[in-house]
Amino acid sequence: MRQIFLLLWTLLFAQCMTGQQKTVPDTIPSFFGEIKEAAQQHYGLWNRNLYGAILLVDPQTRQVFANESDSEGRLQRTGYIYTGILADNVIISNTSMEWSGKKWAMIMLPLPYNKQDRISLLAHESFHRVQSSLGFILYNTANNHLDQQDGRIYLRLELEALKKAVQAPSERELRHHLTNALTFRKYRHTLYAGSDTTENQLELNEGIAEYTGQICGGRVKNQVAYWIDAINRFFTNPTFVRSFAYYTIPVYGYLLYDKNRQWNHDITSDTNLTDYFIKAFGVRIPEDVRLRVMRLSGEYNGTVIVREEAERDKRTKENIAKYKRMFIEQPHLEIQFDKVNVSFDPRNIVPIEDKGTVYPTIRVSDLWGVLSVSSGALMSPNWQKISVTNPALINGNTITGNGWTLELTDKYTVVEDSKTGNYRVVKK
């Protein structure tokens, strides 16, 4: 049975905004101390101490710093911490993972310079480490409709309404903008069958984790400028497909916190978050959402958004045509998965209709070795294989092509299909 372990790069907007902390070993214990103190202070958030096994990893040297010993003796105690080196086949990313007999929260160094952002990141991944024990299912559902023109338009309008909600000077105006935000959301769901489910699944996974991180990081009151800046930066992402949940649920949660700071205790893997927030904020969605959003869009910069998205849609279609030629129509290398680990940047992926998704940058490890991609690869819809351009150079176990390198283990090689001109990885 094929097993797929998806390790998302949890690229929190805080890291992008505030710079990174120069890391020296002497500072590591203080980082662990910060998250330990924050987790204890916010114990009531989940009635659980989120502080536990953490790996801080330097992606350049693969050196790891841990707050606990591992179960297999791979780490050595060095003062107040444990250190070691990760093997080449271990994917480094911000995630939760099983390693050396324990479940860890892994975070890449350097950490954000800002203390609040640093704690938020550590708490986010610490939540992922325990989320299954809290009853949450791990969802990493793609939402390809959010790369479509209308999907992007009505997500941007929802977030523009949320920007006004966080600035609202009165309860009346807050309710007005929240009603409109949720109306844009409801209308978006009518445009794409099943989108209410797929968006909800990713928000239950990454949205709830990010809300947890923001609360532990102290983003509770008087954070208007922070959330406006965060949403504006989100709009600059090449795609919204996997990154939107880091912004929607934390903002709704921030706005609900004063009214019910334990609202998250109501949330389970079966919760429909859209319906939950409609009820929690006491708003009423109009029956004819289409008519309503047509009248509302002007209040939230709709004319500019529609124009920008039409221009983007034209560029996207040209890009998709290029990727189809590279990975489908022309000869290419296909690599089947067996037991795969993957890390990638969720901000810049490109859905290719029913053919899969192009990941401009991605790193994949499997029984056959490690594939590192910097110029695009096509992942199949069912996550069974990945395609890159044909090899340009085969030098023993090292295979290289246009923007990619494949390091094979000794038991595997690449062969060419003389009929199609495609290459594939096979056992020797």
Protein backbone atom coordinates (compact mmCIF):
# COMPACT_ATOMS: atom_id res chain seq x y z
CA MET A 1 0.00 0.00 0.00
CA ARG A 2 1.42 3.36 -1.04
CA GLN A 3 1.84 5.83 1.81
CA ILE A 4 2.20 9.54 1.22
CA PHE A 5 3.56 11.84 3.91
CA LEU A 6 2.93 15.44 2.88
CA LEU A 7 5.27 17.88 4.60
CA LEU A 8 4.08 21.41 3.81
CA TRP A 9 6.44 24.32 4.19
CA THR A 10 4.46 26.25 6.76
CA LEU A 11 5.38 29.65 5.41
CA LEU A 12 3.77 31.94 7.92
CA PHE A 13 3.42 35.52 6.82
CA ALA A 14 5.14 36.61 10.02
CA GLN A 15 8.44 35.30 8.74
CA CYS A 16 8.08 37.22 5.50
CA MET A 17 7.31 40.49 7.27
CA THR A 18 9.70 40.73 10.16
CA GLY A 19 13.05 39.30 9.12
CA GLN A 20 14.85 36.40 10.69
CA GLN A 21 16.81 35.85 13.86
CA LYS A 22 20.49 35.11 13.43
CA THR A 23 20.91 31.76 15.09
CA VAL A 24 23.84 30.78 17.25
CA PRO A 25 23.75 27.76 19.57
CA ASP A 26 23.74 29.99 22.68
CA THR A 27 20.36 31.45 21.65
CA ILE A 28 18.62 28.09 21.19
CA PRO A 29 17.72 27.50 24.87
CA SER A 30 16.06 30.92 24.99
CA PHE A 31 13.87 30.00 22.01
CA PHE A 32 12.75 26.84 23.79
CA GLY A 33 12.16 28.89 26.93
CA GLU A 34 9.93 31.34 25.07
CA ILE A 35 7.59 28.71 23.65
CA LYS A 36 7.55 26.80 26.95
CA GLU A 37 6.44 29.93 28.82
CA ALA A 38 3.84 30.84 26.18
CA ALA A 39 2.41 27.32 26.13
CA GLN A 40 2.01 27.33 29.90
CA GLN A 41 0.44 30.79 29.83
CA HIS A 42 -2.10 29.68 27.19
CA TYR A 43 -2.80 26.23 28.60
CA GLY A 44 -6.54 26.99 28.55
CA LEU A 45 -6.54 27.51 24.79
CA TRP A 46 -6.88 23.74 24.32
CA ASN A 47 -6.67 22.60 27.95
CA ARG A 48 -3.37 21.11 26.87
CA ASN A 49 0.25 22.16 27.28
CA LEU A 50 1.42 22.49 23.69
CA TYR A 51 5.07 22.45 24.71
CA GLY A 52 6.74 19.19 23.77
CA ALA A 53 9.40 17.69 21.54
CA ILE A 54 10.82 20.33 19.16
CA LEU A 55 13.54 20.11 16.51
CA LEU A 56 15.13 23.32 15.25
CA VAL A 57 17.01 22.52 12.05
CA ASP A 58 19.55 24.46 10.01
CA PRO A 59 18.61 23.55 6.40
CA GLN A 60 22.10 24.42 5.14
CA THR A 61 24.15 22.25 7.53
CA ARG A 62 21.32 19.84 8.56
CA GLN A 63 22.38 20.40 12.17
CA VAL A 64 19.51 19.89 14.59
CA PHE A 65 18.91 21.38 18.03
CA ALA A 66 16.31 19.69 20.26
CA ASN A 67 14.75 20.36 23.63
CA GLU A 68 14.43 16.64 24.40
CA SER A 69 16.40 13.48 23.81
CA ASP A 70 15.27 11.15 21.05
CA SER A 71 14.40 7.48 21.57
CA GLU A 72 17.17 6.02 19.41
CA GLY A 73 20.22 7.86 20.69
CA ARG A 74 20.90 9.95 17.59
CA LEU A 75 21.11 13.19 19.57
CA GLN A 76 23.84 14.10 22.02
CA ARG A 77 23.33 16.31 25.04
CA THR A 78 25.12 19.66 24.81
CA GLY A 79 24.46 21.79 27.86
CA TYR A 80 20.72 22.46 28.05
CA ILE A 81 19.93 21.11 24.59
CA TYR A 82 20.45 18.07 22.36
CA THR A 83 22.25 18.23 19.03
CA GLY A 84 22.82 16.03 16.01
CA ILE A 85 22.79 15.87 12.21
CA LEU A 86 19.78 14.85 10.11
CA ALA A 87 20.30 12.23 7.42
CA ASP A 88 20.05 13.39 3.80
CA ASN A 89 16.80 11.50 3.22
CA VAL A 90 14.94 13.45 5.94
CA ILE A 91 12.98 16.31 4.39
CA ILE A 92 13.52 19.58 6.27
CA SER A 93 10.45 21.80 6.58
CA ASN A 94 8.15 23.42 9.10
CA THR A 95 5.95 20.49 10.05
CA SER A 96 5.21 17.76 12.57
CA MET A 97 6.99 14.49 11.96
CA GLU A 98 7.93 11.08 13.33
CA TRP A 99 11.69 10.81 13.75
CA SER A 100 13.97 8.65 15.84
CA GLY A 101 11.14 7.06 17.78
CA LYS A 102 9.21 10.23 18.70
CA LYS A 103 6.80 12.76 17.23
CA TRP A 104 8.35 16.20 16.88
CA ALA A 105 7.48 19.71 15.83
CA MET A 106 10.18 20.58 13.27
CA ILE A 107 10.97 24.23 12.51
CA MET A 108 13.60 25.54 10.13
CA LEU A 109 16.24 28.00 11.27
CA PRO A 110 16.66 30.91 11.34
CA LEU A 111 13.56 31.83 13.30
CA PRO A 112 11.72 35.15 12.92
CA TYR A 113 13.45 38.09 14.59
CA ASN A 114 10.24 39.34 16.20
CA LYS A 115 9.48 37.46 19.41
CA GLN A 116 5.71 37.31 18.84
CA ASP A 117 6.21 35.91 15.34
CA ARG A 118 8.79 33.44 16.63
CA ILE A 119 6.44 32.08 19.30
CA SER A 120 3.56 31.97 16.80
CA LEU A 121 5.56 29.79 14.44
CA LEU A 122 6.70 27.42 17.19
CA ALA A 123 3.16 27.18 18.59
CA HIS A 124 1.67 26.54 15.14
CA GLU A 125 3.88 23.51 14.55
CA SER A 126 3.48 22.38 18.17
CA PHE A 127 -0.27 22.30 17.57
CA HIS A 128 0.26 20.06 14.53
CA ARG A 129 2.28 17.72 16.73
CA VAL A 130 -0.71 17.13 19.04
CA GLN A 131 -3.66 17.84 16.74
CA SER A 132 -4.60 14.20 16.24
CA SER A 133 -4.79 13.71 20.01
CA LEU A 134 -7.15 16.71 20.12
CA GLY A 135 -9.43 14.93 17.66
CA PHE A 136 -8.44 16.81 14.51
CA ILE A 137 -7.86 15.00 11.24
CA LEU A 138 -4.84 15.99 9.15
CA TYR A 139 -6.21 17.61 5.97
CA ASN A 140 -4.00 19.01 3.23
CA THR A 141 -6.70 19.48 0.64
CA ALA A 142 -5.93 21.48 -2.48
CA ASN A 143 -8.35 24.24 -3.44
CA ASN A 144 -7.59 24.71 -7.11
CA HIS A 145 -10.66 26.86 -7.63
CA LEU A 146 -8.78 29.59 -5.75
CA ASP A 147 -6.47 29.83 -8.74
CA GLN A 148 -9.47 30.54 -10.98
CA GLN A 149 -10.46 34.12 -11.74
CA ASP A 150 -13.76 34.19 -9.83
CA GLY A 151 -12.40 32.14 -6.94
CA ARG A 152 -9.63 34.69 -6.41
CA ILE A 153 -11.95 37.66 -6.84
CA TYR A 154 -14.39 36.58 -4.14
CA LEU A 155 -11.66 35.48 -1.75
CA ARG A 156 -10.01 38.89 -2.12
CA LEU A 157 -13.36 40.62 -1.55
CA GLU A 158 -13.95 38.53 1.57
CA LEU A 159 -10.55 39.52 2.94
CA GLU A 160 -11.06 43.18 2.02
CA ALA A 161 -14.26 43.07 4.08
CA LEU A 162 -12.32 41.48 6.95
CA LYS A 163 -9.76 44.29 6.77
CA LYS A 164 -12.59 46.77 7.33
CA ALA A 165 -14.02 44.58 10.08
CA VAL A 166 -10.82 44.71 12.14
CA GLN A 167 -10.90 48.52 11.81
CA ALA A 168 -14.61 48.88 12.63
CA PRO A 169 -15.18 51.58 15.28
CA SER A 170 -18.53 50.18 16.39
CA GLU A 171 -20.35 46.89 16.83
CA ARG A 172 -22.77 47.94 14.09
CA GLU A 173 -20.01 48.46 11.53
CA LEU A 174 -18.23 45.29 12.64
CA ARG A 175 -21.40 43.28 12.02
CA HIS A 176 -21.88 44.99 8.64
CA HIS A 177 -18.43 44.05 7.34
CA LEU A 178 -18.55 40.54 8.82
CA THR A 179 -21.90 39.95 7.12
CA ASN A 180 -20.44 41.06 3.82
CA ALA A 181 -17.27 38.97 4.24
CA LEU A 182 -19.30 35.85 4.89
CA THR A 183 -21.66 36.70 2.02
CA PHE A 184 -18.72 36.85 -0.39
CA ARG A 185 -17.61 33.49 1.01
CA LYS A 186 -21.03 31.90 0.59
CA TYR A 187 -21.30 33.17 -2.97
CA ARG A 188 -17.84 31.80 -3.83
CA HIS A 189 -18.96 28.37 -2.65
CA THR A 190 -21.95 28.47 -5.02
CA LEU A 191 -19.59 28.93 -7.98
CA TYR A 192 -17.50 25.78 -7.42
CA ALA A 193 -19.11 22.49 -6.42
CA GLY A 194 -17.54 21.02 -3.29
CA SER A 195 -15.45 24.11 -2.55
CA ASP A 196 -17.21 24.63 0.77
CA THR A 197 -15.89 21.22 1.85
CA THR A 198 -12.33 21.52 0.54
CA GLU A 199 -11.84 25.04 1.91
CA ASN A 200 -13.22 23.95 5.26
CA GLN A 201 -10.83 20.99 5.44
CA LEU A 202 -7.74 23.12 4.93
CA GLU A 203 -9.00 25.75 7.34
CA LEU A 204 -9.58 23.08 10.00
CA ASN A 205 -5.98 22.00 9.54
CA GLU A 206 -3.90 25.10 8.86
CA GLY A 207 -6.37 27.79 9.89
CA ILE A 208 -6.91 26.42 13.40
CA ALA A 209 -3.17 25.77 13.80
CA GLU A 210 -2.37 29.34 12.75
CA TYR A 211 -5.02 30.77 15.08
CA THR A 212 -3.39 28.78 17.89
CA GLY A 213 0.00 30.19 16.97
CA GLN A 214 -1.25 33.77 16.86
CA ILE A 215 -2.95 33.53 20.26
CA CYS A 216 0.15 31.99 21.86
CA GLY A 217 2.20 34.73 20.23
CA GLY A 218 0.08 37.39 21.91
CA ARG A 219 -1.90 38.59 18.87
CA VAL A 220 -5.02 39.13 20.97
CA LYS A 221 -5.79 42.86 21.20
CA ASN A 222 -4.94 46.06 19.32
CA GLN A 223 -3.52 44.23 16.30
CA VAL A 224 -5.35 46.15 13.57
CA ALA A 225 -2.22 47.21 11.66
CA TYR A 226 -0.77 43.72 11.93
CA TRP A 227 -3.77 42.01 10.30
CA ILE A 228 -4.17 44.62 7.57
CA ASP A 229 -0.50 44.30 6.67
CA ALA A 230 -0.72 40.50 6.78
CA ILE A 231 -3.68 40.39 4.38
CA ASN A 232 -2.07 42.88 2.01
CA ARG A 233 1.06 40.74 1.87
CA PHE A 234 -1.04 37.65 1.28
CA PHE A 235 -2.48 39.31 -1.82
CA THR A 236 1.03 39.37 -3.33
CA ASN A 237 1.32 35.56 -3.20
CA PRO A 238 1.41 34.01 -6.70
CA THR A 239 -1.42 31.67 -5.71
CA PHE A 240 -3.95 31.33 -2.88
CA VAL A 241 -4.63 27.60 -3.31
CA ARG A 242 -2.94 26.36 -0.12
CA SER A 243 -2.11 29.54 1.78
CA PHE A 244 -5.50 31.25 2.27
CA ALA A 245 -6.33 29.39 5.48
CA TYR A 246 -3.45 31.09 7.34
CA TYR A 247 -5.38 34.36 7.05
CA THR A 248 -9.12 33.64 7.03
CA ILE A 249 -9.58 31.65 10.24
CA PRO A 250 -7.06 33.60 12.35
CA VAL A 251 -8.81 36.89 11.48
CA TYR A 252 -12.30 35.53 12.18
CA GLY A 253 -10.94 34.03 15.40
CA TYR A 254 -9.26 37.29 16.39
CA LEU A 255 -12.55 39.14 15.92
CA LEU A 256 -14.47 36.53 17.93
CA TYR A 257 -11.91 36.31 20.76
CA ASP A 258 -13.29 39.21 22.80
CA LYS A 259 -16.79 37.77 22.62
CA ASN A 260 -15.84 34.17 23.34
CA ARG A 261 -12.16 33.49 23.96
CA GLN A 262 -12.81 29.74 24.12
CA TRP A 263 -14.72 29.50 20.84
CA ASN A 264 -12.16 27.06 19.50
CA HIS A 265 -13.31 24.50 22.08
CA ASP A 266 -16.48 24.17 20.01
CA ILE A 267 -14.53 23.14 16.90
CA THR A 268 -14.12 19.52 15.82
CA SER A 269 -13.14 17.84 12.56
CA ASP A 270 -16.85 17.81 11.67
CA THR A 271 -17.40 21.55 12.14
CA ASN A 272 -18.43 23.68 9.18
CA LEU A 273 -16.44 26.81 10.04
CA THR A 274 -18.41 29.09 7.73
CA ASP A 275 -21.72 28.18 9.35
CA TYR A 276 -20.09 28.33 12.79
CA PHE A 277 -18.92 31.93 12.31
CA ILE A 278 -22.27 33.01 10.84
CA LYS A 279 -23.97 31.78 14.00
CA ALA A 280 -21.26 32.95 16.41
CA PHE A 281 -21.28 36.51 15.08
CA GLY A 282 -25.07 36.54 14.83
CA VAL A 283 -25.12 37.67 11.21
CA ARG A 284 -27.79 36.94 8.61
CA ILE A 285 -26.79 36.01 5.07
CA PRO A 286 -29.20 37.27 2.37
CA GLU A 287 -31.09 34.62 0.41
CA ASP A 288 -29.98 35.99 -2.98
CA VAL A 289 -26.24 36.11 -2.37
CA ARG A 290 -25.47 36.76 -6.05
CA LEU A 291 -27.54 39.91 -6.16
CA ARG A 292 -26.06 41.04 -2.86
CA VAL A 293 -22.40 40.62 -3.85
CA MET A 294 -22.97 42.50 -7.10
CA ARG A 295 -24.09 45.49 -5.03
CA LEU A 296 -21.36 45.08 -2.41
CA SER A 297 -18.21 44.74 -4.48
CA GLY A 298 -17.76 48.47 -5.01
CA GLU A 299 -17.46 48.97 -1.27
CA TYR A 300 -14.38 46.75 -1.21
CA ASN A 301 -12.31 47.87 -4.20
CA GLY A 302 -14.15 45.47 -6.49
CA THR A 303 -13.47 47.30 -9.77
CA VAL A 304 -9.70 47.17 -9.27
CA ILE A 305 -9.78 43.56 -8.10
CA VAL A 306 -11.78 42.40 -11.13
CA ARG A 307 -9.42 44.20 -13.52
CA GLU A 308 -6.30 42.79 -11.84
CA GLU A 309 -7.67 39.26 -11.83
CA ALA A 310 -8.64 39.41 -15.50
CA GLU A 311 -5.07 40.40 -16.35
CA ARG A 312 -3.67 37.65 -14.14
CA ASP A 313 -5.99 35.07 -15.69
CA LYS A 314 -4.57 35.82 -19.13
CA ARG A 315 -0.99 35.37 -17.89
CA THR A 316 -1.93 32.18 -16.04
CA LYS A 317 -3.41 30.57 -19.14
CA GLU A 318 -0.19 31.29 -21.04
CA ASN A 319 1.82 29.75 -18.20
CA ILE A 320 -0.37 26.64 -18.12
CA ALA A 321 0.11 26.13 -21.86
CA LYS A 322 3.88 26.26 -21.35
CA TYR A 323 3.76 23.71 -18.51
CA LYS A 324 1.56 21.37 -20.57
CA ARG A 325 4.19 21.34 -23.29
CA MET A 326 7.00 20.71 -20.82
CA PHE A 327 5.47 17.93 -18.72
CA ILE A 328 2.76 16.32 -20.87
CA GLU A 329 3.17 16.88 -24.60
CA GLN A 330 6.97 16.76 -24.87
CA PRO A 331 9.15 13.82 -23.69
CA HIS A 332 9.71 13.94 -19.95
CA LEU A 333 10.88 11.92 -16.93
CA GLU A 334 8.16 10.31 -14.80
CA ILE A 335 8.93 9.06 -11.28
CA GLN A 336 6.47 6.82 -9.47
CA PHE A 337 6.09 7.09 -5.68
CA ASP A 338 6.37 4.30 -3.17
CA LYS A 339 6.93 5.85 0.28
CA VAL A 340 7.29 9.53 -0.37
CA ASN A 341 8.13 12.61 1.69
CA VAL A 342 7.61 16.02 0.14
CA SER A 343 8.29 19.65 1.00
CA PHE A 344 7.26 22.62 -1.12
CA ASP A 345 6.31 26.28 -1.08
CA PRO A 346 2.48 26.48 -0.98
CA ARG A 347 2.43 30.08 -2.20
CA ASN A 348 3.42 29.54 -5.83
CA ILE A 349 1.87 26.29 -7.08
CA VAL A 350 0.01 26.19 -10.43
CA PRO A 351 -3.00 23.85 -10.92
CA ILE A 352 -3.11 22.36 -14.45
CA GLU A 353 -6.81 21.50 -14.92
CA ASP A 354 -7.25 17.74 -14.31
CA LYS A 355 -3.59 16.94 -15.05
CA GLY A 356 -2.23 17.77 -11.63
CA THR A 357 -0.34 20.68 -10.11
CA VAL A 358 2.97 22.27 -11.03
CA TYR A 359 5.27 22.99 -8.11
CA PRO A 360 7.95 25.51 -9.19
CA THR A 361 10.10 24.50 -6.21
CA ILE A 362 9.80 21.11 -4.52
CA ARG A 363 11.95 18.48 -2.81
CA VAL A 364 10.93 14.81 -2.83
CA SER A 365 12.50 11.81 -1.14
CA ASP A 366 11.49 8.18 -1.64
CA LEU A 367 13.04 4.72 -1.71
CA TRP A 368 14.63 5.63 -5.05
CA GLY A 369 16.45 8.69 -3.67
CA VAL A 370 16.02 12.48 -3.55
CA LEU A 371 14.65 14.84 -6.23
CA SER A 372 15.33 18.59 -5.88
CA VAL A 373 13.45 20.93 -8.25
CA SER A 374 13.94 24.67 -8.76
CA SER A 375 12.23 25.23 -12.15
CA GLY A 376 9.00 23.26 -11.99
CA ALA A 377 7.63 19.72 -11.73
CA LEU A 378 4.15 18.30 -12.36
CA MET A 379 2.58 16.34 -9.50
CA SER A 380 -0.21 13.98 -10.59
CA PRO A 381 -3.69 14.61 -9.13
CA ASN A 382 -3.58 11.46 -7.01
CA TRP A 383 -0.02 12.03 -5.76
CA GLN A 384 1.21 8.82 -7.37
CA LYS A 385 3.97 10.28 -9.55
CA ILE A 386 5.90 13.41 -10.45
CA SER A 387 7.14 14.55 -13.88
CA VAL A 388 10.12 16.73 -14.81
CA THR A 389 11.78 17.52 -18.13
CA ASN A 390 13.97 14.84 -19.69
CA PRO A 391 17.49 14.33 -18.29
CA ALA A 392 20.26 16.48 -19.74
CA LEU A 393 23.11 14.59 -18.03
CA ILE A 394 23.38 11.16 -16.42
CA ASN A 395 26.49 10.78 -14.29
CA GLY A 396 26.28 7.56 -12.31
CA ASN A 397 23.59 7.98 -9.64
CA THR A 398 23.32 11.73 -10.25
CA ILE A 399 20.80 12.73 -12.92
CA THR A 400 20.32 16.39 -13.86
CA GLY A 401 17.91 18.29 -16.08
CA ASN A 402 16.58 21.78 -16.62
CA GLY A 403 16.20 23.07 -13.06
CA TRP A 404 16.27 19.71 -11.30
CA THR A 405 18.67 17.14 -9.80
CA LEU A 406 17.92 13.50 -8.97
CA GLU A 407 20.20 11.59 -6.60
CA LEU A 408 19.39 7.89 -6.96
CA THR A 409 20.14 5.14 -4.49
CA ASP A 410 22.23 2.21 -5.72
CA LYS A 411 19.20 -0.01 -6.38
CA TYR A 412 17.61 2.34 -8.94
CA THR A 413 18.39 3.71 -12.39
CA VAL A 414 16.69 5.63 -15.20
CA VAL A 415 15.66 4.07 -18.52
CA GLU A 416 14.31 5.55 -21.74
CA ASP A 417 11.20 4.36 -23.57
CA SER A 418 12.31 4.22 -27.21
CA LYS A 419 8.72 4.65 -28.45
CA THR A 420 7.74 7.75 -26.52
CA GLY A 421 11.11 9.26 -25.66
CA ASN A 422 10.03 9.46 -22.00
CA TYR A 423 12.33 8.38 -19.18
CA ARG A 424 11.35 6.64 -15.96
CA VAL A 425 12.99 5.46 -12.73
CA VAL A 426 13.13 1.68 -12.28
CA LYS A 427 14.75 -0.83 -10.00
CA LYS A 428 17.95 -2.37 -11.34
